[in-house]
Each structure stands twice: as structure tokens, then as C-alpha cells.
Amino acid sequence: MAGRAGRYPPEYREQPVELARAGRSPGSLAREFEPSEQTIRNWVRQADVDEGRRGDGLTTEARRELSRLKRDNKRLRVERDILKKAAA
């Protein structure tokens, strides 16, 4: 499963997150579930942000919206540049 971010479905992430919250170490979970210790720590942190337990990050929904807006902004800049060249 090598590749890009987001390769593990949310359903897969739930179990290691709950076990980590119950006191299991990220190291033992990494050996059992495959992702690295840091990945499991990141999942727990993101789940805490999404559920309002932490306030020091963007929720998953806010991250998606930010990505969408950046993509739209990039597309609009390209379109603007094309129109500038066509008008010149």
C-alpha cells in the first residue's frame, strides 16, 4: 500500500485510534496494523481535532475546503493569464 496520503480508509483508522485512546502505545499498534507510529499519532491528533477535543488544527472538512479553494484559485489564475495573453 505504498503511495499517497489518505490511502487508509476512515473505517480502517477508527480501530487504531480507539485503541490508542484506550492506552495502547502507537508502537504496538504500528506492529499490529502496519502504519508507522507517527502515522497513528497523526490519526489520533486529527480525530481529536475533528471531534473538538483539540483546537490547535484544521478539521478534516476544513482541510478539504482549503484544498478545494486552492485548486480553484490556481485554475482561475491560469484562466486569467490566458485571457491576458489573448487580449494583448
N, C-alpha and C. Protein backbone atom coordinates (compact mmCIF):
# COMPACT_ATOMS: atom_id res chain seq x y z
N MET A 1 0.81 -1.20 0.00
CA MET A 1 0.00 0.00 0.00
C MET A 1 0.85 1.26 0.00
N ALA A 2 1.91 1.29 -0.72
CA ALA A 2 2.74 2.49 -0.77
C ALA A 2 2.08 3.50 -1.69
N GLY A 3 2.35 4.77 -1.44
CA GLY A 3 1.76 5.76 -2.33
C GLY A 3 1.49 7.08 -1.67
N ARG A 4 0.27 7.48 -1.72
CA ARG A 4 -0.09 8.84 -1.35
C ARG A 4 -0.82 8.91 -0.02
N ALA A 5 -0.95 10.13 0.46
CA ALA A 5 -1.69 10.36 1.70
C ALA A 5 -3.15 9.98 1.52
N GLY A 6 -3.78 9.56 2.59
CA GLY A 6 -5.17 9.19 2.51
C GLY A 6 -5.40 7.79 2.00
N ARG A 7 -4.38 6.98 2.04
CA ARG A 7 -4.51 5.65 1.46
C ARG A 7 -5.28 4.68 2.35
N TYR A 8 -5.43 5.00 3.61
CA TYR A 8 -6.19 4.15 4.53
C TYR A 8 -7.59 4.72 4.69
N PRO A 9 -8.61 3.92 4.47
CA PRO A 9 -9.97 4.44 4.61
C PRO A 9 -10.28 4.80 6.06
N PRO A 10 -11.21 5.71 6.27
CA PRO A 10 -11.56 6.13 7.63
C PRO A 10 -11.98 4.97 8.53
N GLU A 11 -12.64 3.99 7.96
CA GLU A 11 -13.08 2.84 8.76
C GLU A 11 -11.87 2.08 9.32
N TYR A 12 -10.80 2.01 8.54
CA TYR A 12 -9.59 1.32 8.97
C TYR A 12 -8.90 2.09 10.09
N ARG A 13 -8.95 3.41 10.02
CA ARG A 13 -8.28 4.26 11.00
C ARG A 13 -8.95 4.23 12.37
N GLU A 14 -10.25 4.00 12.39
CA GLU A 14 -11.01 4.09 13.64
C GLU A 14 -10.48 3.16 14.74
N GLN A 15 -10.19 1.92 14.38
CA GLN A 15 -9.79 0.96 15.40
C GLN A 15 -8.45 1.33 16.06
N PRO A 16 -7.39 1.62 15.30
CA PRO A 16 -6.14 2.03 15.97
C PRO A 16 -6.31 3.30 16.80
N VAL A 17 -7.14 4.24 16.34
CA VAL A 17 -7.36 5.48 17.10
C VAL A 17 -8.02 5.16 18.44
N GLU A 18 -9.05 4.34 18.41
CA GLU A 18 -9.74 3.99 19.66
C GLU A 18 -8.83 3.21 20.60
N LEU A 19 -8.03 2.30 20.06
CA LEU A 19 -7.11 1.54 20.90
C LEU A 19 -6.03 2.44 21.51
N ALA A 20 -5.57 3.42 20.73
CA ALA A 20 -4.57 4.37 21.26
C ALA A 20 -5.18 5.21 22.38
N ARG A 21 -6.42 5.62 22.21
CA ARG A 21 -7.10 6.38 23.26
C ARG A 21 -7.33 5.54 24.51
N ALA A 22 -7.44 4.23 24.31
CA ALA A 22 -7.66 3.32 25.44
C ALA A 22 -6.36 2.99 26.18
N GLY A 23 -5.23 3.48 25.65
CA GLY A 23 -3.98 3.29 26.36
C GLY A 23 -2.92 2.48 25.65
N ARG A 24 -3.24 1.90 24.51
CA ARG A 24 -2.22 1.15 23.77
C ARG A 24 -1.21 2.12 23.17
N SER A 25 0.03 1.69 23.10
CA SER A 25 1.08 2.55 22.57
C SER A 25 1.03 2.56 21.04
N PRO A 26 1.39 3.69 20.42
CA PRO A 26 1.43 3.73 18.96
C PRO A 26 2.39 2.70 18.38
N GLY A 27 3.47 2.37 19.12
CA GLY A 27 4.42 1.37 18.64
C GLY A 27 3.80 -0.01 18.50
N SER A 28 3.06 -0.42 19.52
CA SER A 28 2.42 -1.74 19.45
C SER A 28 1.33 -1.76 18.39
N LEU A 29 0.63 -0.65 18.24
CA LEU A 29 -0.40 -0.57 17.21
C LEU A 29 0.21 -0.58 15.81
N ALA A 30 1.37 0.06 15.67
CA ALA A 30 2.05 0.07 14.37
C ALA A 30 2.46 -1.34 13.96
N ARG A 31 2.93 -2.12 14.90
CA ARG A 31 3.30 -3.51 14.58
C ARG A 31 2.07 -4.34 14.20
N GLU A 32 0.96 -4.03 14.82
CA GLU A 32 -0.26 -4.81 14.57
C GLU A 32 -1.00 -4.36 13.31
N PHE A 33 -1.03 -3.06 13.03
CA PHE A 33 -1.88 -2.54 11.95
C PHE A 33 -1.14 -2.08 10.71
N GLU A 34 0.19 -2.04 10.70
CA GLU A 34 1.01 -1.68 9.56
C GLU A 34 1.46 -0.23 9.48
N PRO A 35 0.61 0.78 9.66
CA PRO A 35 1.14 2.15 9.54
C PRO A 35 2.18 2.43 10.62
N SER A 36 3.00 3.44 10.38
CA SER A 36 4.05 3.78 11.33
C SER A 36 3.47 4.37 12.62
N GLU A 37 4.32 4.42 13.63
CA GLU A 37 3.91 5.02 14.91
C GLU A 37 3.46 6.46 14.70
N GLN A 38 4.22 7.21 13.91
CA GLN A 38 3.88 8.61 13.68
C GLN A 38 2.55 8.75 12.96
N THR A 39 2.29 7.86 12.03
CA THR A 39 1.00 7.91 11.31
C THR A 39 -0.15 7.71 12.29
N ILE A 40 -0.01 6.77 13.20
CA ILE A 40 -1.07 6.52 14.18
C ILE A 40 -1.22 7.73 15.10
N ARG A 41 -0.10 8.33 15.51
CA ARG A 41 -0.18 9.54 16.33
C ARG A 41 -0.92 10.65 15.58
N ASN A 42 -0.61 10.79 14.29
CA ASN A 42 -1.28 11.80 13.46
C ASN A 42 -2.78 11.53 13.37
N TRP A 43 -3.16 10.27 13.22
CA TRP A 43 -4.58 9.90 13.14
C TRP A 43 -5.30 10.28 14.43
N VAL A 44 -4.66 9.99 15.56
CA VAL A 44 -5.28 10.31 16.85
C VAL A 44 -5.44 11.81 16.98
N ARG A 45 -4.40 12.55 16.63
CA ARG A 45 -4.46 14.01 16.72
C ARG A 45 -5.57 14.55 15.83
N GLN A 46 -5.65 14.08 14.57
CA GLN A 46 -6.66 14.57 13.66
C GLN A 46 -8.07 14.20 14.13
N ALA A 47 -8.22 13.00 14.68
CA ALA A 47 -9.52 12.60 15.22
C ALA A 47 -9.91 13.51 16.39
N ASP A 48 -8.94 13.87 17.22
CA ASP A 48 -9.21 14.78 18.34
C ASP A 48 -9.64 16.16 17.84
N VAL A 49 -8.99 16.66 16.80
CA VAL A 49 -9.36 17.95 16.23
C VAL A 49 -10.76 17.87 15.64
N ASP A 50 -11.04 16.81 14.88
CA ASP A 50 -12.35 16.65 14.24
C ASP A 50 -13.48 16.56 15.27
N GLU A 51 -13.20 15.96 16.42
CA GLU A 51 -14.22 15.78 17.44
C GLU A 51 -14.27 16.92 18.44
N GLY A 52 -13.44 17.94 18.25
CA GLY A 52 -13.47 19.10 19.13
C GLY A 52 -12.71 18.93 20.43
N ARG A 53 -11.93 17.88 20.55
CA ARG A 53 -11.13 17.67 21.76
C ARG A 53 -9.89 18.56 21.77
N ARG A 54 -9.48 18.99 20.59
CA ARG A 54 -8.32 19.88 20.45
C ARG A 54 -8.73 21.05 19.58
N GLY A 55 -8.09 22.16 19.78
CA GLY A 55 -8.41 23.33 18.98
C GLY A 55 -7.22 23.87 18.23
N ASP A 56 -6.17 23.07 18.09
CA ASP A 56 -4.93 23.56 17.50
C ASP A 56 -4.69 23.06 16.08
N GLY A 57 -5.74 22.88 15.31
CA GLY A 57 -5.56 22.43 13.94
C GLY A 57 -6.85 22.56 13.16
N LEU A 58 -6.74 22.29 11.87
CA LEU A 58 -7.90 22.33 10.99
C LEU A 58 -8.61 20.98 11.01
N THR A 59 -9.92 21.03 11.00
CA THR A 59 -10.67 19.78 10.89
C THR A 59 -10.48 19.19 9.50
N THR A 60 -10.82 17.94 9.35
CA THR A 60 -10.69 17.28 8.05
C THR A 60 -11.53 18.01 7.02
N GLU A 61 -12.73 18.41 7.40
CA GLU A 61 -13.61 19.14 6.48
C GLU A 61 -12.99 20.48 6.08
N ALA A 62 -12.41 21.19 7.03
CA ALA A 62 -11.76 22.47 6.72
C ALA A 62 -10.56 22.26 5.80
N ARG A 63 -9.81 21.19 6.01
CA ARG A 63 -8.68 20.88 5.13
C ARG A 63 -9.15 20.62 3.70
N ARG A 64 -10.24 19.87 3.57
CA ARG A 64 -10.79 19.60 2.23
C ARG A 64 -11.22 20.89 1.55
N GLU A 65 -11.90 21.74 2.30
CA GLU A 65 -12.36 23.02 1.74
C GLU A 65 -11.18 23.89 1.33
N LEU A 66 -10.14 23.94 2.16
CA LEU A 66 -8.95 24.71 1.84
C LEU A 66 -8.30 24.19 0.56
N SER A 67 -8.19 22.87 0.44
CA SER A 67 -7.61 22.28 -0.77
C SER A 67 -8.43 22.63 -2.01
N ARG A 68 -9.76 22.55 -1.87
CA ARG A 68 -10.63 22.88 -2.99
C ARG A 68 -10.46 24.34 -3.39
N LEU A 69 -10.40 25.23 -2.42
CA LEU A 69 -10.24 26.65 -2.71
C LEU A 69 -8.88 26.94 -3.37
N LYS A 70 -7.84 26.28 -2.91
CA LYS A 70 -6.52 26.47 -3.53
C LYS A 70 -6.53 25.99 -4.97
N ARG A 71 -7.17 24.84 -5.21
CA ARG A 71 -7.28 24.30 -6.57
C ARG A 71 -8.05 25.28 -7.46
N ASP A 72 -9.17 25.79 -6.97
CA ASP A 72 -9.97 26.76 -7.73
C ASP A 72 -9.17 28.03 -8.00
N ASN A 73 -8.45 28.50 -7.01
CA ASN A 73 -7.65 29.71 -7.16
C ASN A 73 -6.59 29.52 -8.25
N LYS A 74 -5.94 28.38 -8.23
CA LYS A 74 -4.92 28.09 -9.23
C LYS A 74 -5.53 28.07 -10.63
N ARG A 75 -6.68 27.41 -10.76
CA ARG A 75 -7.36 27.33 -12.06
C ARG A 75 -7.75 28.73 -12.54
N LEU A 76 -8.28 29.55 -11.66
CA LEU A 76 -8.68 30.90 -12.03
C LEU A 76 -7.49 31.76 -12.45
N ARG A 77 -6.36 31.59 -11.79
CA ARG A 77 -5.16 32.34 -12.18
C ARG A 77 -4.70 31.94 -13.57
N VAL A 78 -4.74 30.64 -13.86
CA VAL A 78 -4.35 30.18 -15.19
C VAL A 78 -5.30 30.77 -16.23
N GLU A 79 -6.60 30.72 -15.97
CA GLU A 79 -7.57 31.28 -16.90
C GLU A 79 -7.36 32.78 -17.10
N ARG A 80 -7.07 33.49 -16.01
CA ARG A 80 -6.81 34.93 -16.10
C ARG A 80 -5.59 35.21 -16.98
N ASP A 81 -4.54 34.40 -16.79
CA ASP A 81 -3.33 34.60 -17.58
C ASP A 81 -3.57 34.32 -19.05
N ILE A 82 -4.38 33.33 -19.35
CA ILE A 82 -4.71 33.02 -20.74
C ILE A 82 -5.48 34.19 -21.36
N LEU A 83 -6.44 34.73 -20.63
CA LEU A 83 -7.21 35.85 -21.14
C LEU A 83 -6.36 37.09 -21.33
N LYS A 84 -5.40 37.32 -20.43
CA LYS A 84 -4.48 38.47 -20.57
C LYS A 84 -3.69 38.35 -21.86
N LYS A 85 -3.17 37.15 -22.12
CA LYS A 85 -2.37 36.94 -23.34
C LYS A 85 -3.23 37.07 -24.59
N ALA A 86 -4.45 36.60 -24.53
CA ALA A 86 -5.34 36.69 -25.68
C ALA A 86 -5.72 38.14 -25.97
N ALA A 87 -5.84 38.96 -24.93
CA ALA A 87 -6.25 40.34 -25.10
C ALA A 87 -5.10 41.22 -25.61
N ALA A 88 -3.89 40.75 -25.41
CA ALA A 88 -2.72 41.57 -25.77
C ALA A 88 -2.41 41.53 -27.24
